[in-house]
Amino acid sequence: MKIALITVVVLLVLGVAGFIFLGLKSQGGEAPGIVSGKLQPCPSSPNCGSSEDGTADGKKVDPLPIAAWAQLPAVVAALGGTVTQQSDAYLAAEFTSSTFRFVDDIEFRLSDDAVHVRSASRVGYSDRGVNHARIAAVRERLEN
């Protein structure tokens, strides 16, 4: 019984240490930016959502209306994000989780007819729907 308890505690400590390591690792990156005129495609992992053409089902979200562009910096700030890059047609921001300090990127690209959006985790595999929820929260703020 004592060995089983020690094993469980050791595994728990290793798991927490792993999450702390990934949280620290995510803090060292930056948003991928524009690739060939579009936001970078989502990886195969489920921790990403994007409105760009060619995005796989389950990751695909609708683009935002073009009128939203001017409001995005304020919306990002209101949701707790920090704008890290901004130009005439591109905006990138970071969101940091309170637990383990994981950093996620959200990016917006202004096109001729819409604002494309991509939200993704920098590290890990699953995000439990956080990035899709973040895009939905941005959309909701824009509608109110």
N, C-alpha and C. Protein backbone atom coordinates (compact mmCIF):
# COMPACT_ATOMS: atom_id res chain seq x y z
N MET A 1 0.82 -1.19 0.00
CA MET A 1 0.00 0.00 0.00
C MET A 1 0.87 1.26 0.00
N LYS A 2 1.94 1.20 0.81
CA LYS A 2 2.82 2.36 0.91
C LYS A 2 3.52 2.62 -0.43
N ILE A 3 3.93 1.59 -1.13
CA ILE A 3 4.60 1.73 -2.43
C ILE A 3 3.64 2.32 -3.46
N ALA A 4 2.39 1.90 -3.41
CA ALA A 4 1.39 2.43 -4.34
C ALA A 4 1.18 3.92 -4.11
N LEU A 5 1.11 4.32 -2.86
CA LEU A 5 0.93 5.74 -2.53
C LEU A 5 2.13 6.56 -2.99
N ILE A 6 3.31 6.06 -2.74
CA ILE A 6 4.53 6.76 -3.18
C ILE A 6 4.55 6.87 -4.71
N THR A 7 4.16 5.81 -5.40
CA THR A 7 4.12 5.83 -6.86
C THR A 7 3.14 6.87 -7.37
N VAL A 8 1.97 6.95 -6.75
CA VAL A 8 0.96 7.93 -7.16
C VAL A 8 1.48 9.35 -6.93
N VAL A 9 2.09 9.60 -5.79
CA VAL A 9 2.63 10.93 -5.49
C VAL A 9 3.73 11.30 -6.48
N VAL A 10 4.63 10.38 -6.78
CA VAL A 10 5.71 10.65 -7.73
C VAL A 10 5.14 10.96 -9.11
N LEU A 11 4.17 10.18 -9.55
CA LEU A 11 3.54 10.44 -10.85
C LEU A 11 2.84 11.79 -10.88
N LEU A 12 2.19 12.13 -9.79
CA LEU A 12 1.53 13.44 -9.71
C LEU A 12 2.54 14.58 -9.79
N VAL A 13 3.63 14.46 -9.06
CA VAL A 13 4.68 15.49 -9.08
C VAL A 13 5.28 15.61 -10.48
N LEU A 14 5.53 14.48 -11.12
CA LEU A 14 6.08 14.51 -12.48
C LEU A 14 5.09 15.15 -13.46
N GLY A 15 3.81 14.85 -13.31
CA GLY A 15 2.79 15.44 -14.17
C GLY A 15 2.73 16.96 -14.01
N VAL A 16 2.72 17.42 -12.77
CA VAL A 16 2.69 18.86 -12.52
C VAL A 16 3.95 19.52 -13.06
N ALA A 17 5.10 18.89 -12.84
CA ALA A 17 6.36 19.44 -13.36
C ALA A 17 6.32 19.53 -14.88
N GLY A 18 5.74 18.52 -15.52
CA GLY A 18 5.61 18.55 -16.98
C GLY A 18 4.76 19.72 -17.45
N PHE A 19 3.64 19.97 -16.78
CA PHE A 19 2.78 21.10 -17.15
C PHE A 19 3.49 22.43 -16.91
N ILE A 20 4.24 22.52 -15.82
CA ILE A 20 4.99 23.76 -15.55
C ILE A 20 6.02 23.97 -16.66
N PHE A 21 6.71 22.92 -17.05
CA PHE A 21 7.70 23.02 -18.13
C PHE A 21 7.03 23.49 -19.43
N LEU A 22 5.90 22.89 -19.80
CA LEU A 22 5.21 23.30 -21.03
C LEU A 22 4.73 24.74 -20.94
N GLY A 23 4.25 25.16 -19.77
CA GLY A 23 3.84 26.55 -19.59
C GLY A 23 5.00 27.51 -19.81
N LEU A 24 6.16 27.17 -19.25
CA LEU A 24 7.34 28.01 -19.45
C LEU A 24 7.78 28.00 -20.91
N LYS A 25 7.70 26.84 -21.55
CA LYS A 25 8.09 26.73 -22.95
C LYS A 25 7.19 27.59 -23.84
N SER A 26 5.90 27.64 -23.53
CA SER A 26 4.97 28.41 -24.36
C SER A 26 5.21 29.92 -24.26
N GLN A 27 5.85 30.36 -23.19
CA GLN A 27 6.09 31.79 -23.00
C GLN A 27 7.21 32.31 -23.89
N GLY A 28 7.97 31.42 -24.51
CA GLY A 28 9.11 31.84 -25.31
C GLY A 28 8.83 32.01 -26.79
N GLY A 29 7.61 31.87 -27.22
CA GLY A 29 7.32 31.95 -28.65
C GLY A 29 6.63 33.23 -29.04
N GLU A 30 6.10 33.21 -30.24
CA GLU A 30 5.30 34.33 -30.73
C GLU A 30 4.33 33.81 -31.77
N ALA A 31 3.37 34.63 -32.12
CA ALA A 31 2.37 34.24 -33.12
C ALA A 31 3.07 33.95 -34.45
N PRO A 32 2.57 32.94 -35.19
CA PRO A 32 3.23 32.55 -36.44
C PRO A 32 3.19 33.61 -37.53
N GLY A 33 2.18 34.46 -37.53
CA GLY A 33 2.11 35.53 -38.53
C GLY A 33 1.51 35.08 -39.84
N ILE A 34 1.70 35.91 -40.85
CA ILE A 34 1.15 35.66 -42.18
C ILE A 34 2.11 34.76 -42.97
N VAL A 35 1.54 33.71 -43.58
CA VAL A 35 2.32 32.78 -44.40
C VAL A 35 1.63 32.72 -45.77
N SER A 36 2.34 33.13 -46.81
CA SER A 36 1.78 33.15 -48.17
C SER A 36 0.47 33.92 -48.24
N GLY A 37 0.41 35.04 -47.54
CA GLY A 37 -0.76 35.91 -47.59
C GLY A 37 -1.92 35.50 -46.71
N LYS A 38 -1.78 34.43 -45.92
CA LYS A 38 -2.85 33.96 -45.06
C LYS A 38 -2.31 33.65 -43.67
N LEU A 39 -3.23 33.48 -42.73
CA LEU A 39 -2.84 33.01 -41.41
C LEU A 39 -2.37 31.56 -41.54
N GLN A 40 -1.38 31.19 -40.77
CA GLN A 40 -0.82 29.85 -40.85
C GLN A 40 -1.91 28.80 -40.63
N PRO A 41 -1.87 27.70 -41.37
CA PRO A 41 -2.85 26.63 -41.17
C PRO A 41 -2.75 26.05 -39.75
N CYS A 42 -3.87 25.52 -39.28
CA CYS A 42 -3.88 24.84 -37.97
C CYS A 42 -3.08 23.55 -38.06
N PRO A 43 -2.42 23.18 -36.96
CA PRO A 43 -1.72 21.89 -36.93
C PRO A 43 -2.75 20.75 -36.84
N SER A 44 -2.29 19.53 -36.83
CA SER A 44 -3.18 18.38 -36.75
C SER A 44 -3.81 18.23 -35.37
N SER A 45 -3.21 18.81 -34.36
CA SER A 45 -3.77 18.73 -33.00
C SER A 45 -5.06 19.54 -32.90
N PRO A 46 -5.94 19.20 -31.95
CA PRO A 46 -7.24 19.87 -31.86
C PRO A 46 -7.23 21.22 -31.15
N ASN A 47 -6.08 21.78 -30.86
CA ASN A 47 -6.00 23.01 -30.07
C ASN A 47 -5.91 24.28 -30.92
N CYS A 48 -6.70 24.34 -32.00
CA CYS A 48 -6.63 25.46 -32.93
C CYS A 48 -7.97 25.64 -33.62
N GLY A 49 -8.30 26.88 -33.91
CA GLY A 49 -9.46 27.20 -34.74
C GLY A 49 -9.07 28.29 -35.71
N SER A 50 -9.60 28.23 -36.94
CA SER A 50 -9.24 29.21 -37.96
C SER A 50 -10.39 29.39 -38.95
N SER A 51 -10.46 30.59 -39.51
CA SER A 51 -11.47 30.88 -40.54
C SER A 51 -10.89 30.84 -41.95
N GLU A 52 -9.60 30.58 -42.08
CA GLU A 52 -8.97 30.58 -43.40
C GLU A 52 -9.49 29.40 -44.24
N ASP A 53 -9.57 29.61 -45.55
CA ASP A 53 -9.96 28.54 -46.47
C ASP A 53 -9.02 27.36 -46.30
N GLY A 54 -9.57 26.16 -46.40
CA GLY A 54 -8.77 24.95 -46.30
C GLY A 54 -8.64 24.42 -44.89
N THR A 55 -9.23 25.11 -43.91
CA THR A 55 -9.17 24.62 -42.53
C THR A 55 -10.07 23.40 -42.39
N ALA A 56 -9.58 22.39 -41.72
CA ALA A 56 -10.31 21.13 -41.55
C ALA A 56 -11.58 21.32 -40.74
N ASP A 57 -12.58 20.50 -41.05
CA ASP A 57 -13.82 20.50 -40.27
C ASP A 57 -13.46 20.24 -38.80
N GLY A 58 -14.19 20.85 -37.93
CA GLY A 58 -13.90 20.73 -36.51
C GLY A 58 -12.99 21.83 -36.01
N LYS A 59 -12.24 22.42 -36.92
CA LYS A 59 -11.36 23.54 -36.59
C LYS A 59 -11.83 24.83 -37.26
N LYS A 60 -12.70 24.67 -38.24
CA LYS A 60 -13.16 25.80 -39.06
C LYS A 60 -14.16 26.66 -38.28
N VAL A 61 -13.93 27.96 -38.32
CA VAL A 61 -14.87 28.93 -37.76
C VAL A 61 -15.17 29.96 -38.84
N ASP A 62 -16.25 30.68 -38.68
CA ASP A 62 -16.60 31.72 -39.64
C ASP A 62 -15.70 32.94 -39.44
N PRO A 63 -15.37 33.64 -40.53
CA PRO A 63 -14.61 34.88 -40.37
C PRO A 63 -15.47 35.94 -39.70
N LEU A 64 -14.84 36.98 -39.26
CA LEU A 64 -15.54 38.10 -38.63
C LEU A 64 -15.90 39.13 -39.71
N PRO A 65 -16.91 39.96 -39.44
CA PRO A 65 -17.25 40.99 -40.42
C PRO A 65 -16.13 42.03 -40.53
N ILE A 66 -15.99 42.58 -41.69
CA ILE A 66 -14.91 43.54 -41.94
C ILE A 66 -15.00 44.76 -41.02
N ALA A 67 -16.23 45.11 -40.63
CA ALA A 67 -16.43 46.27 -39.75
C ALA A 67 -15.84 46.05 -38.35
N ALA A 68 -15.51 44.82 -38.02
CA ALA A 68 -14.96 44.50 -36.70
C ALA A 68 -13.51 44.94 -36.53
N TRP A 69 -12.82 45.16 -37.62
CA TRP A 69 -11.37 45.39 -37.57
C TRP A 69 -10.96 46.46 -36.56
N ALA A 70 -11.61 47.60 -36.59
CA ALA A 70 -11.21 48.72 -35.72
C ALA A 70 -11.45 48.42 -34.24
N GLN A 71 -12.37 47.54 -33.94
CA GLN A 71 -12.71 47.24 -32.54
C GLN A 71 -11.83 46.16 -31.92
N LEU A 72 -11.10 45.42 -32.73
CA LEU A 72 -10.38 44.24 -32.23
C LEU A 72 -9.38 44.52 -31.11
N PRO A 73 -8.56 45.56 -31.18
CA PRO A 73 -7.63 45.78 -30.05
C PRO A 73 -8.36 45.96 -28.71
N ALA A 74 -9.45 46.71 -28.72
CA ALA A 74 -10.21 46.93 -27.48
C ALA A 74 -10.89 45.64 -27.02
N VAL A 75 -11.39 44.85 -27.95
CA VAL A 75 -12.04 43.58 -27.61
C VAL A 75 -11.02 42.62 -27.00
N VAL A 76 -9.86 42.52 -27.60
CA VAL A 76 -8.79 41.65 -27.07
C VAL A 76 -8.44 42.07 -25.64
N ALA A 77 -8.26 43.36 -25.43
CA ALA A 77 -7.92 43.87 -24.09
C ALA A 77 -9.04 43.57 -23.09
N ALA A 78 -10.28 43.76 -23.50
CA ALA A 78 -11.41 43.50 -22.61
C ALA A 78 -11.51 42.03 -22.20
N LEU A 79 -11.04 41.15 -23.07
CA LEU A 79 -11.07 39.72 -22.78
C LEU A 79 -9.82 39.24 -22.02
N GLY A 80 -8.89 40.16 -21.74
CA GLY A 80 -7.70 39.81 -20.96
C GLY A 80 -6.47 39.52 -21.78
N GLY A 81 -6.50 39.79 -23.08
CA GLY A 81 -5.35 39.55 -23.94
C GLY A 81 -4.46 40.76 -24.05
N THR A 82 -3.29 40.56 -24.64
CA THR A 82 -2.33 41.63 -24.87
C THR A 82 -1.96 41.64 -26.34
N VAL A 83 -2.18 42.77 -27.00
CA VAL A 83 -1.80 42.91 -28.41
C VAL A 83 -0.28 42.95 -28.48
N THR A 84 0.30 42.11 -29.34
CA THR A 84 1.76 42.04 -29.47
C THR A 84 2.26 42.56 -30.80
N GLN A 85 1.42 42.54 -31.83
CA GLN A 85 1.78 43.06 -33.15
C GLN A 85 0.53 43.66 -33.78
N GLN A 86 0.73 44.77 -34.48
CA GLN A 86 -0.41 45.36 -35.17
C GLN A 86 0.09 46.15 -36.38
N SER A 87 -0.56 45.90 -37.52
CA SER A 87 -0.27 46.65 -38.74
C SER A 87 -1.60 46.97 -39.42
N ASP A 88 -1.55 47.47 -40.61
CA ASP A 88 -2.77 47.83 -41.33
C ASP A 88 -3.67 46.63 -41.61
N ALA A 89 -3.11 45.44 -41.74
CA ALA A 89 -3.91 44.27 -42.10
C ALA A 89 -3.64 43.04 -41.23
N TYR A 90 -2.94 43.21 -40.11
CA TYR A 90 -2.63 42.07 -39.26
C TYR A 90 -2.60 42.51 -37.80
N LEU A 91 -3.16 41.66 -36.94
CA LEU A 91 -3.12 41.92 -35.51
C LEU A 91 -2.88 40.59 -34.80
N ALA A 92 -1.95 40.57 -33.87
CA ALA A 92 -1.65 39.38 -33.08
C ALA A 92 -1.74 39.74 -31.60
N ALA A 93 -2.25 38.80 -30.81
CA ALA A 93 -2.37 39.01 -29.38
C ALA A 93 -2.09 37.70 -28.66
N GLU A 94 -1.77 37.81 -27.37
CA GLU A 94 -1.49 36.66 -26.52
C GLU A 94 -2.49 36.62 -25.38
N PHE A 95 -2.86 35.41 -25.01
CA PHE A 95 -3.66 35.17 -23.82
C PHE A 95 -2.88 34.18 -22.97
N THR A 96 -2.76 34.44 -21.67
CA THR A 96 -2.02 33.58 -20.76
C THR A 96 -2.97 32.99 -19.74
N SER A 97 -2.94 31.66 -19.60
CA SER A 97 -3.83 31.00 -18.63
C SER A 97 -3.33 31.26 -17.21
N SER A 98 -4.26 31.26 -16.29
CA SER A 98 -3.89 31.51 -14.90
C SER A 98 -3.17 30.30 -14.29
N THR A 99 -3.53 29.10 -14.73
CA THR A 99 -2.87 27.89 -14.25
C THR A 99 -1.76 27.50 -15.21
N PHE A 100 -0.59 27.35 -14.71
CA PHE A 100 0.61 26.92 -15.45
C PHE A 100 1.08 27.96 -16.47
N ARG A 101 0.39 29.08 -16.64
CA ARG A 101 0.82 30.22 -17.48
C ARG A 101 1.01 29.83 -18.95
N PHE A 102 0.15 28.96 -19.49
CA PHE A 102 0.18 28.61 -20.91
C PHE A 102 -0.16 29.83 -21.74
N VAL A 103 0.54 30.04 -22.84
CA VAL A 103 0.28 31.17 -23.74
C VAL A 103 -0.35 30.65 -25.02
N ASP A 104 -1.47 31.26 -25.38
CA ASP A 104 -2.15 30.99 -26.65
C ASP A 104 -2.08 32.26 -27.49
N ASP A 105 -2.04 32.08 -28.80
CA ASP A 105 -2.04 33.21 -29.73
C ASP A 105 -3.39 33.32 -30.41
N ILE A 106 -3.82 34.56 -30.63
CA ILE A 106 -4.96 34.81 -31.49
C ILE A 106 -4.49 35.84 -32.52
N GLU A 107 -4.82 35.56 -33.77
CA GLU A 107 -4.38 36.43 -34.86
C GLU A 107 -5.57 36.80 -35.73
N PHE A 108 -5.49 37.97 -36.31
CA PHE A 108 -6.53 38.46 -37.21
C PHE A 108 -5.87 38.99 -38.48
N ARG A 109 -6.48 38.67 -39.62
CA ARG A 109 -5.98 39.15 -40.90
C ARG A 109 -7.13 39.84 -41.63
N LEU A 110 -6.91 41.09 -41.99
CA LEU A 110 -7.91 41.87 -42.73
C LEU A 110 -7.79 41.52 -44.21
N SER A 111 -8.89 41.01 -44.77
CA SER A 111 -8.93 40.73 -46.21
C SER A 111 -9.89 41.72 -46.85
N ASP A 112 -10.13 41.57 -48.14
CA ASP A 112 -11.01 42.49 -48.85
C ASP A 112 -12.46 42.41 -48.39
N ASP A 113 -12.88 41.25 -47.89
CA ASP A 113 -14.30 41.08 -47.58
C ASP A 113 -14.58 40.57 -46.16
N ALA A 114 -13.56 40.33 -45.34
CA ALA A 114 -13.77 39.80 -44.00
C ALA A 114 -12.51 39.96 -43.16
N VAL A 115 -12.64 39.64 -41.90
CA VAL A 115 -11.49 39.56 -41.00
C VAL A 115 -11.33 38.09 -40.64
N HIS A 116 -10.23 37.51 -41.07
CA HIS A 116 -9.96 36.11 -40.75
C HIS A 116 -9.32 36.03 -39.38
N VAL A 117 -9.60 34.94 -38.68
CA VAL A 117 -9.14 34.77 -37.31
C VAL A 117 -8.54 33.37 -37.15
N ARG A 118 -7.51 33.30 -36.31
CA ARG A 118 -6.89 32.02 -35.95
C ARG A 118 -6.50 32.11 -34.49
N SER A 119 -6.93 31.14 -33.70
CA SER A 119 -6.55 31.07 -32.29
C SER A 119 -5.98 29.69 -32.04
N ALA A 120 -4.79 29.63 -31.44
CA ALA A 120 -4.12 28.34 -31.25
C ALA A 120 -3.22 28.36 -30.02
N SER A 121 -3.07 27.18 -29.45
CA SER A 121 -2.14 26.98 -28.34
C SER A 121 -0.73 26.87 -28.90
N ARG A 122 0.23 27.37 -28.17
CA ARG A 122 1.63 27.27 -28.62
C ARG A 122 2.22 25.90 -28.36
N VAL A 123 1.78 25.26 -27.30
CA VAL A 123 2.32 23.94 -26.95
C VAL A 123 1.17 23.01 -26.59
N GLY A 124 1.47 21.75 -26.52
CA GLY A 124 0.49 20.77 -26.08
C GLY A 124 -0.35 20.24 -27.22
N TYR A 125 -1.29 19.41 -26.87
CA TYR A 125 -2.13 18.76 -27.86
C TYR A 125 -3.58 19.24 -27.74
N SER A 126 -4.16 19.09 -26.58
CA SER A 126 -5.56 19.48 -26.39
C SER A 126 -5.63 20.77 -25.61
N ASP A 127 -6.69 21.54 -25.87
CA ASP A 127 -6.91 22.78 -25.12
C ASP A 127 -8.28 22.80 -24.47
N ARG A 128 -9.00 21.68 -24.51
CA ARG A 128 -10.34 21.54 -23.96
C ARG A 128 -11.29 22.60 -24.51
N GLY A 129 -11.09 23.00 -25.77
CA GLY A 129 -11.99 23.94 -26.43
C GLY A 129 -11.75 25.40 -26.16
N VAL A 130 -10.65 25.72 -25.49
CA VAL A 130 -10.37 27.10 -25.09
C VAL A 130 -10.25 28.04 -26.30
N ASN A 131 -9.56 27.61 -27.35
CA ASN A 131 -9.35 28.51 -28.49
C ASN A 131 -10.63 28.77 -29.27
N HIS A 132 -11.46 27.76 -29.43
CA HIS A 132 -12.76 27.99 -30.08
C HIS A 132 -13.64 28.89 -29.21
N ALA A 133 -13.59 28.69 -27.91
CA ALA A 133 -14.36 29.54 -26.99
C ALA A 133 -13.86 30.98 -27.05
N ARG A 134 -12.55 31.18 -27.21
CA ARG A 134 -12.00 32.53 -27.29
C ARG A 134 -12.50 33.23 -28.55
N ILE A 135 -12.52 32.54 -29.67
CA ILE A 135 -13.04 33.12 -30.90
C ILE A 135 -14.52 33.48 -30.73
N ALA A 136 -15.28 32.60 -30.08
CA ALA A 136 -16.70 32.87 -29.82
C ALA A 136 -16.86 34.08 -28.91
N ALA A 137 -15.99 34.23 -27.92
CA ALA A 137 -16.06 35.38 -27.02
C ALA A 137 -15.76 36.68 -27.77
N VAL A 138 -14.79 36.65 -28.67
CA VAL A 138 -14.49 37.83 -29.49
C VAL A 138 -15.72 38.19 -30.32
N ARG A 139 -16.31 37.20 -30.97
CA ARG A 139 -17.50 37.42 -31.79
C ARG A 139 -18.65 38.02 -30.95
N GLU A 140 -18.84 37.47 -29.76
CA GLU A 140 -19.91 37.95 -28.89
C GLU A 140 -19.68 39.42 -28.47
N ARG A 141 -18.45 39.75 -28.12
CA ARG A 141 -18.12 41.13 -27.74
C ARG A 141 -18.37 42.09 -28.90
N LEU A 142 -18.06 41.65 -30.11
CA LEU A 142 -18.26 42.51 -31.27
C LEU A 142 -19.74 42.75 -31.54
N GLU A 143 -20.57 41.77 -31.22
CA GLU A 143 -22.01 41.89 -31.45
C GLU A 143 -22.70 42.75 -30.42
N ASN A 144 -22.08 42.94 -29.25
CA ASN A 144 -22.70 43.74 -28.17
C ASN A 144 -22.20 45.15 -28.14
